[in-house]
Amino acid sequence: MTSRETPTGWPVPERSALATVLGIPPLAAIALAFALTALGVFVDVLRIGTVGVVFSIAYVLGCVVAAGWVRRRNLFGPMVQPPLLAAVLIPVIVLLVGRPGPGLTETVLMIGAPLVNAFPTMAVATGLSLLIGLVRLIVQRTGPEDTLARLGRLGVRGEREEPVSARRDSGAARGAGRTSRSPRRS
Protein backbone atom coordinates (compact mmCIF):
# COMPACT_ATOMS: atom_id res chain seq x y z
CA MET A 1 0.00 0.00 0.00
CA THR A 2 1.46 3.37 -0.99
CA SER A 3 1.37 6.47 1.19
CA ARG A 4 -1.27 8.12 -1.00
CA GLU A 5 -3.89 5.43 -0.50
CA THR A 6 -6.26 4.91 2.36
CA PRO A 7 -6.74 1.49 3.95
CA THR A 8 -9.62 0.98 1.49
CA GLY A 9 -7.30 1.62 -1.45
CA TRP A 10 -8.73 4.81 -3.03
CA PRO A 11 -5.99 7.13 -4.31
CA VAL A 12 -6.31 10.75 -3.20
CA PRO A 13 -7.13 12.18 -6.67
CA GLU A 14 -10.03 9.69 -7.04
CA ARG A 15 -11.67 10.29 -3.63
CA SER A 16 -14.81 12.21 -2.82
CA ALA A 17 -14.99 14.36 0.31
CA LEU A 18 -15.21 11.12 2.30
CA ALA A 19 -11.99 9.11 2.05
CA THR A 20 -13.86 5.80 1.90
CA VAL A 21 -16.16 6.87 -0.97
CA LEU A 22 -14.96 6.87 -4.57
CA GLY A 23 -15.63 10.20 -6.30
CA ILE A 24 -17.90 10.47 -9.32
CA PRO A 25 -16.78 11.85 -12.70
CA PRO A 26 -17.16 15.61 -13.21
CA LEU A 27 -19.93 15.31 -15.79
CA ALA A 28 -21.97 13.16 -13.40
CA ALA A 29 -21.53 15.73 -10.62
CA ILE A 30 -22.57 18.58 -12.88
CA ALA A 31 -25.51 16.54 -14.21
CA LEU A 32 -26.65 15.85 -10.64
CA ALA A 33 -26.68 19.56 -9.77
CA PHE A 34 -28.29 20.36 -13.13
CA ALA A 35 -31.11 17.87 -12.62
CA LEU A 36 -31.89 18.96 -9.06
CA THR A 37 -31.80 22.65 -10.03
CA ALA A 38 -34.02 22.09 -13.07
CA LEU A 39 -36.50 20.15 -10.96
CA GLY A 40 -36.59 22.91 -8.33
CA VAL A 41 -37.09 25.67 -10.91
CA PHE A 42 -39.77 23.67 -12.73
CA VAL A 43 -41.77 22.90 -9.56
CA ASP A 44 -41.61 26.48 -8.28
CA VAL A 45 -42.44 28.13 -11.61
CA LEU A 46 -45.48 25.88 -11.98
CA ARG A 47 -46.47 26.32 -8.33
CA ILE A 48 -45.95 30.05 -7.69
CA GLY A 49 -44.75 31.57 -10.99
CA THR A 50 -41.24 32.38 -9.75
CA VAL A 51 -38.45 30.63 -7.87
CA GLY A 52 -39.05 29.90 -4.20
CA VAL A 53 -38.27 27.46 -1.40
CA VAL A 54 -38.30 24.27 -3.49
CA PHE A 55 -35.80 25.82 -5.92
CA SER A 56 -33.59 27.05 -3.08
CA ILE A 57 -33.40 23.66 -1.37
CA ALA A 58 -32.88 21.66 -4.59
CA TYR A 59 -30.32 24.12 -5.99
CA VAL A 60 -28.17 24.40 -2.87
CA LEU A 61 -28.39 20.66 -2.19
CA GLY A 62 -27.40 19.80 -5.78
CA CYS A 63 -24.42 22.16 -5.80
CA VAL A 64 -23.16 21.08 -2.37
CA VAL A 65 -23.51 17.35 -3.12
CA ALA A 66 -21.75 17.83 -6.46
CA ALA A 67 -18.81 19.63 -4.82
CA GLY A 68 -18.54 16.96 -2.13
CA TRP A 69 -19.01 13.85 -4.26
CA VAL A 70 -16.89 14.69 -7.32
CA ARG A 71 -13.35 13.30 -7.64
CA ARG A 72 -10.79 15.48 -5.93
CA ARG A 73 -8.89 15.99 -9.17
CA ASN A 74 -12.04 17.35 -10.89
CA LEU A 75 -13.16 19.95 -8.35
CA PHE A 76 -13.04 22.99 -10.62
CA GLY A 77 -16.32 22.38 -12.49
CA PRO A 78 -18.54 21.86 -9.43
CA MET A 79 -16.88 24.81 -7.67
CA VAL A 80 -17.81 27.29 -10.40
CA GLN A 81 -21.09 25.81 -11.63
CA PRO A 82 -23.68 27.43 -9.28
CA PRO A 83 -23.98 30.83 -10.99
CA LEU A 84 -23.87 29.21 -14.42
CA LEU A 85 -26.68 26.80 -13.54
CA ALA A 86 -28.92 29.60 -12.30
CA ALA A 87 -28.14 31.89 -15.23
CA VAL A 88 -28.99 29.20 -17.79
CA LEU A 89 -31.75 27.09 -16.22
CA ILE A 90 -33.99 29.78 -14.76
CA PRO A 91 -34.57 31.72 -18.03
CA VAL A 92 -34.91 28.56 -20.13
CA ILE A 93 -37.46 26.90 -17.84
CA VAL A 94 -39.38 30.13 -17.27
CA LEU A 95 -39.65 30.60 -21.04
CA LEU A 96 -40.70 26.98 -21.59
CA VAL A 97 -43.28 26.86 -18.79
CA GLY A 98 -44.46 30.46 -18.51
CA ARG A 99 -46.78 32.31 -20.80
CA PRO A 100 -44.86 35.14 -22.46
CA GLY A 101 -46.58 38.50 -22.60
CA PRO A 102 -47.53 40.19 -25.86
CA GLY A 103 -44.46 42.43 -25.88
CA LEU A 104 -40.74 42.20 -25.36
CA THR A 105 -40.89 44.13 -22.09
CA GLU A 106 -43.28 41.67 -20.47
CA THR A 107 -41.15 38.72 -21.61
CA VAL A 108 -37.96 40.29 -20.23
CA LEU A 109 -39.67 41.03 -16.90
CA MET A 110 -41.06 37.49 -16.78
CA ILE A 111 -37.49 36.13 -17.12
CA GLY A 112 -35.74 38.81 -15.05
CA ALA A 113 -37.89 38.62 -11.91
CA PRO A 114 -37.04 34.97 -11.10
CA LEU A 115 -33.34 35.65 -11.76
CA VAL A 116 -33.36 38.57 -9.34
CA ASN A 117 -35.27 36.52 -6.75
CA ALA A 118 -32.72 33.69 -7.10
CA PHE A 119 -29.67 35.89 -6.48
CA PRO A 120 -29.38 35.39 -2.69
CA THR A 121 -29.75 31.63 -3.10
CA MET A 122 -27.16 31.68 -5.89
CA ALA A 123 -24.73 33.57 -3.65
CA VAL A 124 -25.18 31.01 -0.84
CA ALA A 125 -24.78 28.03 -3.20
CA THR A 126 -21.68 29.55 -4.80
CA GLY A 127 -20.13 30.33 -1.42
CA LEU A 128 -20.79 26.84 -0.06
CA SER A 129 -19.46 25.14 -3.21
CA LEU A 130 -16.30 27.24 -3.15
CA LEU A 131 -15.82 26.62 0.57
CA ILE A 132 -16.24 22.84 0.19
CA GLY A 133 -13.89 22.80 -2.79
CA LEU A 134 -11.19 24.88 -1.11
CA VAL A 135 -11.36 22.83 2.10
CA ARG A 136 -11.02 19.65 0.04
CA LEU A 137 -8.05 21.07 -1.86
CA ILE A 138 -6.31 21.90 1.41
CA VAL A 139 -7.23 18.79 3.42
CA GLN A 140 -6.83 16.24 0.61
CA ARG A 141 -3.43 17.36 -0.58
CA THR A 142 -1.53 15.19 -2.99
CA GLY A 143 2.18 14.68 -2.64
CA PRO A 144 4.93 14.48 -5.24
CA GLU A 145 4.38 10.72 -5.59
CA ASP A 146 0.85 11.42 -6.87
CA THR A 147 2.23 13.82 -9.46
CA LEU A 148 4.78 11.23 -10.57
CA ALA A 149 2.08 8.53 -10.78
CA ARG A 150 -0.14 10.82 -12.85
CA LEU A 151 2.75 11.58 -15.21
CA GLY A 152 3.48 7.85 -15.47
CA ARG A 153 -0.08 7.20 -16.64
CA LEU A 154 0.44 9.83 -19.32
CA GLY A 155 3.58 8.06 -20.55
CA VAL A 156 6.04 10.59 -19.16
CA ARG A 157 9.05 9.19 -17.36
CA GLY A 158 8.71 10.16 -13.73
CA GLU A 159 11.94 8.62 -12.48
CA ARG A 160 14.49 10.86 -10.93
CA GLU A 161 17.86 10.96 -12.56
CA GLU A 162 21.09 10.60 -10.72
CA PRO A 163 22.37 13.99 -9.53
CA VAL A 164 25.15 15.58 -11.58
CA SER A 165 27.53 15.51 -8.60
CA ALA A 166 27.12 11.73 -8.29
CA ARG A 167 27.96 11.24 -11.95
CA ARG A 168 31.17 13.26 -11.68
CA ASP A 169 32.36 11.29 -8.69
CA SER A 170 32.07 7.97 -10.46
CA GLY A 171 35.79 7.91 -11.28
CA ALA A 172 35.25 7.91 -15.02
CA ALA A 173 37.18 10.41 -17.05
CA ARG A 174 35.26 13.31 -18.42
CA GLY A 175 34.22 12.57 -21.91
CA ALA A 176 35.16 8.90 -21.69
CA GLY A 177 33.07 6.84 -23.98
CA ARG A 178 32.05 9.80 -26.08
CA THR A 179 32.73 9.63 -29.76
CA SER A 180 32.31 12.24 -32.38
CA ARG A 181 30.09 11.42 -35.28
CA SER A 182 32.02 13.67 -37.64
CA PRO A 183 35.09 12.33 -39.48
CA ARG A 184 38.50 13.25 -38.11
CA ARG A 185 40.58 15.72 -39.96
CA SER A 186 43.98 14.64 -41.12
C-alpha atoms as a PDB file:
ATOM      1  CA  MET A   1       0.000   0.000   0.000  1.00  0.00           C
ATOM      2  CA  THR A   2       1.458   3.372  -0.994  1.00  0.00           C
ATOM      3  CA  SER A   3       1.367   6.472   1.188  1.00  0.00           C
ATOM      4  CA  ARG A   4      -1.267   8.122  -1.004  1.00  0.00           C
ATOM      5  CA  GLU A   5      -3.890   5.431  -0.501  1.00  0.00           C
ATOM      6  CA  THR A   6      -6.263   4.906   2.359  1.00  0.00           C
ATOM      7  CA  PRO A   7      -6.741   1.486   3.946  1.00  0.00           C
ATOM      8  CA  THR A   8      -9.625   0.977   1.490  1.00  0.00           C
ATOM      9  CA  GLY A   9      -7.301   1.624  -1.454  1.00  0.00           C
ATOM     10  CA  TRP A  10      -8.725   4.813  -3.027  1.00  0.00           C
ATOM     11  CA  PRO A  11      -5.989   7.126  -4.307  1.00  0.00           C
ATOM     12  CA  VAL A  12      -6.315  10.751  -3.204  1.00  0.00           C
ATOM     13  CA  PRO A  13      -7.131  12.182  -6.668  1.00  0.00           C
ATOM     14  CA  GLU A  14     -10.029   9.694  -7.044  1.00  0.00           C
ATOM     15  CA  ARG A  15     -11.669  10.294  -3.634  1.00  0.00           C
ATOM     16  CA  SER A  16     -14.809  12.205  -2.823  1.00  0.00           C
ATOM     17  CA  ALA A  17     -14.990  14.364   0.306  1.00  0.00           C
ATOM     18  CA  LEU A  18     -15.211  11.124   2.297  1.00  0.00           C
ATOM     19  CA  ALA A  19     -11.991   9.115   2.050  1.00  0.00           C
ATOM     20  CA  THR A  20     -13.856   5.803   1.896  1.00  0.00           C
ATOM     21  CA  VAL A  21     -16.156   6.874  -0.972  1.00  0.00           C
ATOM     22  CA  LEU A  22     -14.963   6.874  -4.567  1.00  0.00           C
ATOM     23  CA  GLY A  23     -15.625  10.202  -6.304  1.00  0.00           C
ATOM     24  CA  ILE A  24     -17.903  10.474  -9.316  1.00  0.00           C
ATOM     25  CA  PRO A  25     -16.782  11.848 -12.702  1.00  0.00           C
ATOM     26  CA  PRO A  26     -17.160  15.607 -13.209  1.00  0.00           C
ATOM     27  CA  LEU A  27     -19.928  15.310 -15.787  1.00  0.00           C
ATOM     28  CA  ALA A  28     -21.968  13.161 -13.404  1.00  0.00           C
ATOM     29  CA  ALA A  29     -21.532  15.731 -10.618  1.00  0.00           C
ATOM     30  CA  ILE A  30     -22.571  18.584 -12.883  1.00  0.00           C
ATOM     31  CA  ALA A  31     -25.513  16.545 -14.213  1.00  0.00           C
ATOM     32  CA  LEU A  32     -26.649  15.849 -10.635  1.00  0.00           C
ATOM     33  CA  ALA A  33     -26.679  19.562  -9.770  1.00  0.00           C
ATOM     34  CA  PHE A  34     -28.286  20.364 -13.133  1.00  0.00           C
ATOM     35  CA  ALA A  35     -31.113  17.872 -12.617  1.00  0.00           C
ATOM     36  CA  LEU A  36     -31.888  18.960  -9.060  1.00  0.00           C
ATOM     37  CA  THR A  37     -31.803  22.650 -10.029  1.00  0.00           C
ATOM     38  CA  ALA A  38     -34.016  22.090 -13.070  1.00  0.00           C
ATOM     39  CA  LEU A  39     -36.499  20.146 -10.959  1.00  0.00           C
ATOM     40  CA  GLY A  40     -36.593  22.908  -8.333  1.00  0.00           C
ATOM     41  CA  VAL A  41     -37.093  25.674 -10.915  1.00  0.00           C
ATOM     42  CA  PHE A  42     -39.773  23.673 -12.731  1.00  0.00           C
ATOM     43  CA  VAL A  43     -41.766  22.904  -9.562  1.00  0.00           C
ATOM     44  CA  ASP A  44     -41.609  26.482  -8.276  1.00  0.00           C
ATOM     45  CA  VAL A  45     -42.445  28.133 -11.605  1.00  0.00           C
ATOM     46  CA  LEU A  46     -45.484  25.878 -11.976  1.00  0.00           C
ATOM     47  CA  ARG A  47     -46.469  26.318  -8.332  1.00  0.00           C
ATOM     48  CA  ILE A  48     -45.952  30.053  -7.692  1.00  0.00           C
ATOM     49  CA  GLY A  49     -44.747  31.570 -10.986  1.00  0.00           C
ATOM     50  CA  THR A  50     -41.241  32.376  -9.750  1.00  0.00           C
ATOM     51  CA  VAL A  51     -38.445  30.632  -7.874  1.00  0.00           C
ATOM     52  CA  GLY A  52     -39.047  29.901  -4.203  1.00  0.00           C
ATOM     53  CA  VAL A  53     -38.271  27.459  -1.403  1.00  0.00           C
ATOM     54  CA  VAL A  54     -38.301  24.270  -3.489  1.00  0.00           C
ATOM     55  CA  PHE A  55     -35.799  25.817  -5.918  1.00  0.00           C
ATOM     56  CA  SER A  56     -33.590  27.049  -3.076  1.00  0.00           C
ATOM     57  CA  ILE A  57     -33.397  23.658  -1.366  1.00  0.00           C
ATOM     58  CA  ALA A  58     -32.884  21.661  -4.585  1.00  0.00           C
ATOM     59  CA  TYR A  59     -30.320  24.117  -5.987  1.00  0.00           C
ATOM     60  CA  VAL A  60     -28.165  24.404  -2.865  1.00  0.00           C
ATOM     61  CA  LEU A  61     -28.392  20.657  -2.194  1.00  0.00           C
ATOM     62  CA  GLY A  62     -27.403  19.800  -5.778  1.00  0.00           C
ATOM     63  CA  CYS A  63     -24.421  22.161  -5.803  1.00  0.00           C
ATOM     64  CA  VAL A  64     -23.160  21.080  -2.366  1.00  0.00           C
ATOM     65  CA  VAL A  65     -23.512  17.352  -3.116  1.00  0.00           C
ATOM     66  CA  ALA A  66     -21.746  17.827  -6.462  1.00  0.00           C
ATOM     67  CA  ALA A  67     -18.808  19.628  -4.824  1.00  0.00           C
ATOM     68  CA  GLY A  68     -18.544  16.958  -2.131  1.00  0.00           C
ATOM     69  CA  TRP A  69     -19.007  13.849  -4.259  1.00  0.00           C
ATOM     70  CA  VAL A  70     -16.888  14.690  -7.321  1.00  0.00           C
ATOM     71  CA  ARG A  71     -13.353  13.303  -7.638  1.00  0.00           C
ATOM     72  CA  ARG A  72     -10.790  15.481  -5.925  1.00  0.00           C
ATOM     73  CA  ARG A  73      -8.889  15.994  -9.171  1.00  0.00           C
ATOM     74  CA  ASN A  74     -12.039  17.346 -10.888  1.00  0.00           C
ATOM     75  CA  LEU A  75     -13.158  19.953  -8.348  1.00  0.00           C
ATOM     76  CA  PHE A  76     -13.037  22.993 -10.619  1.00  0.00           C
ATOM     77  CA  GLY A  77     -16.320  22.384 -12.485  1.00  0.00           C
ATOM     78  CA  PRO A  78     -18.542  21.863  -9.435  1.00  0.00           C
ATOM     79  CA  MET A  79     -16.880  24.805  -7.667  1.00  0.00           C
ATOM     80  CA  VAL A  80     -17.805  27.293 -10.404  1.00  0.00           C
ATOM     81  CA  GLN A  81     -21.092  25.808 -11.629  1.00  0.00           C
ATOM     82  CA  PRO A  82     -23.681  27.433  -9.279  1.00  0.00           C
ATOM     83  CA  PRO A  83     -23.978  30.833 -10.987  1.00  0.00           C
ATOM     84  CA  LEU A  84     -23.873  29.207 -14.421  1.00  0.00           C
ATOM     85  CA  LEU A  85     -26.681  26.802 -13.544  1.00  0.00           C
ATOM     86  CA  ALA A  86     -28.916  29.595 -12.296  1.00  0.00           C
ATOM     87  CA  ALA A  87     -28.137  31.889 -15.230  1.00  0.00           C
ATOM     88  CA  VAL A  88     -28.986  29.197 -17.786  1.00  0.00           C
ATOM     89  CA  LEU A  89     -31.751  27.090 -16.224  1.00  0.00           C
ATOM     90  CA  ILE A  90     -33.993  29.782 -14.762  1.00  0.00           C
ATOM     91  CA  PRO A  91     -34.569  31.717 -18.026  1.00  0.00           C
ATOM     92  CA  VAL A  92     -34.908  28.564 -20.125  1.00  0.00           C
ATOM     93  CA  ILE A  93     -37.457  26.902 -17.841  1.00  0.00           C
ATOM     94  CA  VAL A  94     -39.384  30.126 -17.265  1.00  0.00           C
ATOM     95  CA  LEU A  95     -39.653  30.596 -21.043  1.00  0.00           C
ATOM     96  CA  LEU A  96     -40.700  26.985 -21.589  1.00  0.00           C
ATOM     97  CA  VAL A  97     -43.277  26.859 -18.792  1.00  0.00           C
ATOM     98  CA  GLY A  98     -44.462  30.461 -18.510  1.00  0.00           C
ATOM     99  CA  ARG A  99     -46.784  32.311 -20.800  1.00  0.00           C
ATOM    100  CA  PRO A 100     -44.864  35.144 -22.457  1.00  0.00           C
ATOM    101  CA  GLY A 101     -46.578  38.503 -22.603  1.00  0.00           C
ATOM    102  CA  PRO A 102     -47.532  40.194 -25.862  1.00  0.00           C
ATOM    103  CA  GLY A 103     -44.456  42.428 -25.875  1.00  0.00           C
ATOM    104  CA  LEU A 104     -40.743  42.204 -25.362  1.00  0.00           C
ATOM    105  CA  THR A 105     -40.891  44.133 -22.089  1.00  0.00           C
ATOM    106  CA  GLU A 106     -43.282  41.668 -20.474  1.00  0.00           C
ATOM    107  CA  THR A 107     -41.147  38.718 -21.612  1.00  0.00           C
ATOM    108  CA  VAL A 108     -37.955  40.289 -20.228  1.00  0.00           C
ATOM    109  CA  LEU A 109     -39.671  41.026 -16.900  1.00  0.00           C
ATOM    110  CA  MET A 110     -41.059  37.494 -16.781  1.00  0.00           C
ATOM    111  CA  ILE A 111     -37.492  36.130 -17.123  1.00  0.00           C
ATOM    112  CA  GLY A 112     -35.738  38.811 -15.049  1.00  0.00           C
ATOM    113  CA  ALA A 113     -37.886  38.622 -11.910  1.00  0.00           C
ATOM    114  CA  PRO A 114     -37.038  34.970 -11.097  1.00  0.00           C
ATOM    115  CA  LEU A 115     -33.344  35.646 -11.759  1.00  0.00           C
ATOM    116  CA  VAL A 116     -33.359  38.570  -9.343  1.00  0.00           C
ATOM    117  CA  ASN A 117     -35.275  36.517  -6.755  1.00  0.00           C
ATOM    118  CA  ALA A 118     -32.715  33.692  -7.098  1.00  0.00           C
ATOM    119  CA  PHE A 119     -29.666  35.891  -6.484  1.00  0.00           C
ATOM    120  CA  PRO A 120     -29.382  35.395  -2.690  1.00  0.00           C
ATOM    121  CA  THR A 121     -29.747  31.631  -3.105  1.00  0.00           C
ATOM    122  CA  MET A 122     -27.160  31.684  -5.889  1.00  0.00           C
ATOM    123  CA  ALA A 123     -24.727  33.566  -3.650  1.00  0.00           C
ATOM    124  CA  VAL A 124     -25.182  31.013  -0.843  1.00  0.00           C
ATOM    125  CA  ALA A 125     -24.783  28.030  -3.195  1.00  0.00           C
ATOM    126  CA  THR A 126     -21.680  29.551  -4.799  1.00  0.00           C
ATOM    127  CA  GLY A 127     -20.126  30.331  -1.418  1.00  0.00           C
ATOM    128  CA  LEU A 128     -20.789  26.837  -0.061  1.00  0.00           C
ATOM    129  CA  SER A 129     -19.465  25.144  -3.213  1.00  0.00           C
ATOM    130  CA  LEU A 130     -16.296  27.244  -3.152  1.00  0.00           C
ATOM    131  CA  LEU A 131     -15.823  26.616   0.569  1.00  0.00           C
ATOM    132  CA  ILE A 132     -16.241  22.843   0.193  1.00  0.00           C
ATOM    133  CA  GLY A 133     -13.893  22.799  -2.793  1.00  0.00           C
ATOM    134  CA  LEU A 134     -11.191  24.878  -1.105  1.00  0.00           C
ATOM    135  CA  VAL A 135     -11.361  22.831   2.102  1.00  0.00           C
ATOM    136  CA  ARG A 136     -11.017  19.646   0.038  1.00  0.00           C
ATOM    137  CA  LEU A 137      -8.053  21.074  -1.860  1.00  0.00           C
ATOM    138  CA  ILE A 138      -6.306  21.896   1.414  1.00  0.00           C
ATOM    139  CA  VAL A 139      -7.226  18.791   3.417  1.00  0.00           C
ATOM    140  CA  GLN A 140      -6.826  16.236   0.614  1.00  0.00           C
ATOM    141  CA  ARG A 141      -3.427  17.362  -0.583  1.00  0.00           C
ATOM    142  CA  THR A 142      -1.529  15.195  -2.988  1.00  0.00           C
ATOM    143  CA  GLY A 143       2.183  14.680  -2.641  1.00  0.00           C
ATOM    144  CA  PRO A 144       4.934  14.479  -5.237  1.00  0.00           C
ATOM    145  CA  GLU A 145       4.379  10.725  -5.594  1.00  0.00           C
ATOM    146  CA  ASP A 146       0.849  11.424  -6.869  1.00  0.00           C
ATOM    147  CA  THR A 147       2.232  13.816  -9.465  1.00  0.00           C
ATOM    148  CA  LEU A 148       4.783  11.228 -10.572  1.00  0.00           C
ATOM    149  CA  ALA A 149       2.084   8.531 -10.776  1.00  0.00           C
ATOM    150  CA  ARG A 150      -0.137  10.823 -12.847  1.00  0.00           C
ATOM    151  CA  LEU A 151       2.747  11.576 -15.215  1.00  0.00           C
ATOM    152  CA  GLY A 152       3.483   7.846 -15.473  1.00  0.00           C
ATOM    153  CA  ARG A 153      -0.084   7.204 -16.640  1.00  0.00           C
ATOM    154  CA  LEU A 154       0.440   9.827 -19.324  1.00  0.00           C
ATOM    155  CA  GLY A 155       3.582   8.064 -20.555  1.00  0.00           C
ATOM    156  CA  VAL A 156       6.041  10.586 -19.164  1.00  0.00           C
ATOM    157  CA  ARG A 157       9.047   9.194 -17.360  1.00  0.00           C
ATOM    158  CA  GLY A 158       8.710  10.160 -13.733  1.00  0.00           C
ATOM    159  CA  GLU A 159      11.940   8.617 -12.485  1.00  0.00           C
ATOM    160  CA  ARG A 160      14.491  10.859 -10.926  1.00  0.00           C
ATOM    161  CA  GLU A 161      17.858  10.960 -12.562  1.00  0.00           C
ATOM    162  CA  GLU A 162      21.094  10.602 -10.718  1.00  0.00           C
ATOM    163  CA  PRO A 163      22.368  13.995  -9.533  1.00  0.00           C
ATOM    164  CA  VAL A 164      25.153  15.583 -11.576  1.00  0.00           C
ATOM    165  CA  SER A 165      27.532  15.513  -8.598  1.00  0.00           C
ATOM    166  CA  ALA A 166      27.122  11.733  -8.289  1.00  0.00           C
ATOM    167  CA  ARG A 167      27.962  11.243 -11.952  1.00  0.00           C
ATOM    168  CA  ARG A 168      31.172  13.264 -11.684  1.00  0.00           C
ATOM    169  CA  ASP A 169      32.364  11.290  -8.687  1.00  0.00           C
ATOM    170  CA  SER A 170      32.070   7.973 -10.464  1.00  0.00           C
ATOM    171  CA  GLY A 171      35.792   7.911 -11.276  1.00  0.00           C
ATOM    172  CA  ALA A 172      35.248   7.911 -15.021  1.00  0.00           C
ATOM    173  CA  ALA A 173      37.179  10.407 -17.053  1.00  0.00           C
ATOM    174  CA  ARG A 174      35.258  13.313 -18.419  1.00  0.00           C
ATOM    175  CA  GLY A 175      34.216  12.573 -21.908  1.00  0.00           C
ATOM    176  CA  ALA A 176      35.164   8.905 -21.688  1.00  0.00           C
ATOM    177  CA  GLY A 177      33.066   6.835 -23.980  1.00  0.00           C
ATOM    178  CA  ARG A 178      32.055   9.805 -26.082  1.00  0.00           C
ATOM    179  CA  THR A 179      32.735   9.630 -29.756  1.00  0.00           C
ATOM    180  CA  SER A 180      32.311  12.239 -32.382  1.00  0.00           C
ATOM    181  CA  ARG A 181      30.088  11.419 -35.278  1.00  0.00           C
ATOM    182  CA  SER A 182      32.022  13.674 -37.635  1.00  0.00           C
ATOM    183  CA  PRO A 183      35.089  12.327 -39.478  1.00  0.00           C
ATOM    184  CA  ARG A 184      38.497  13.247 -38.107  1.00  0.00           C
ATOM    185  CA  ARG A 185      40.579  15.724 -39.957  1.00  0.00           C
ATOM    186  CA  SER A 186      43.982  14.643 -41.120  1.00  0.00           C
END
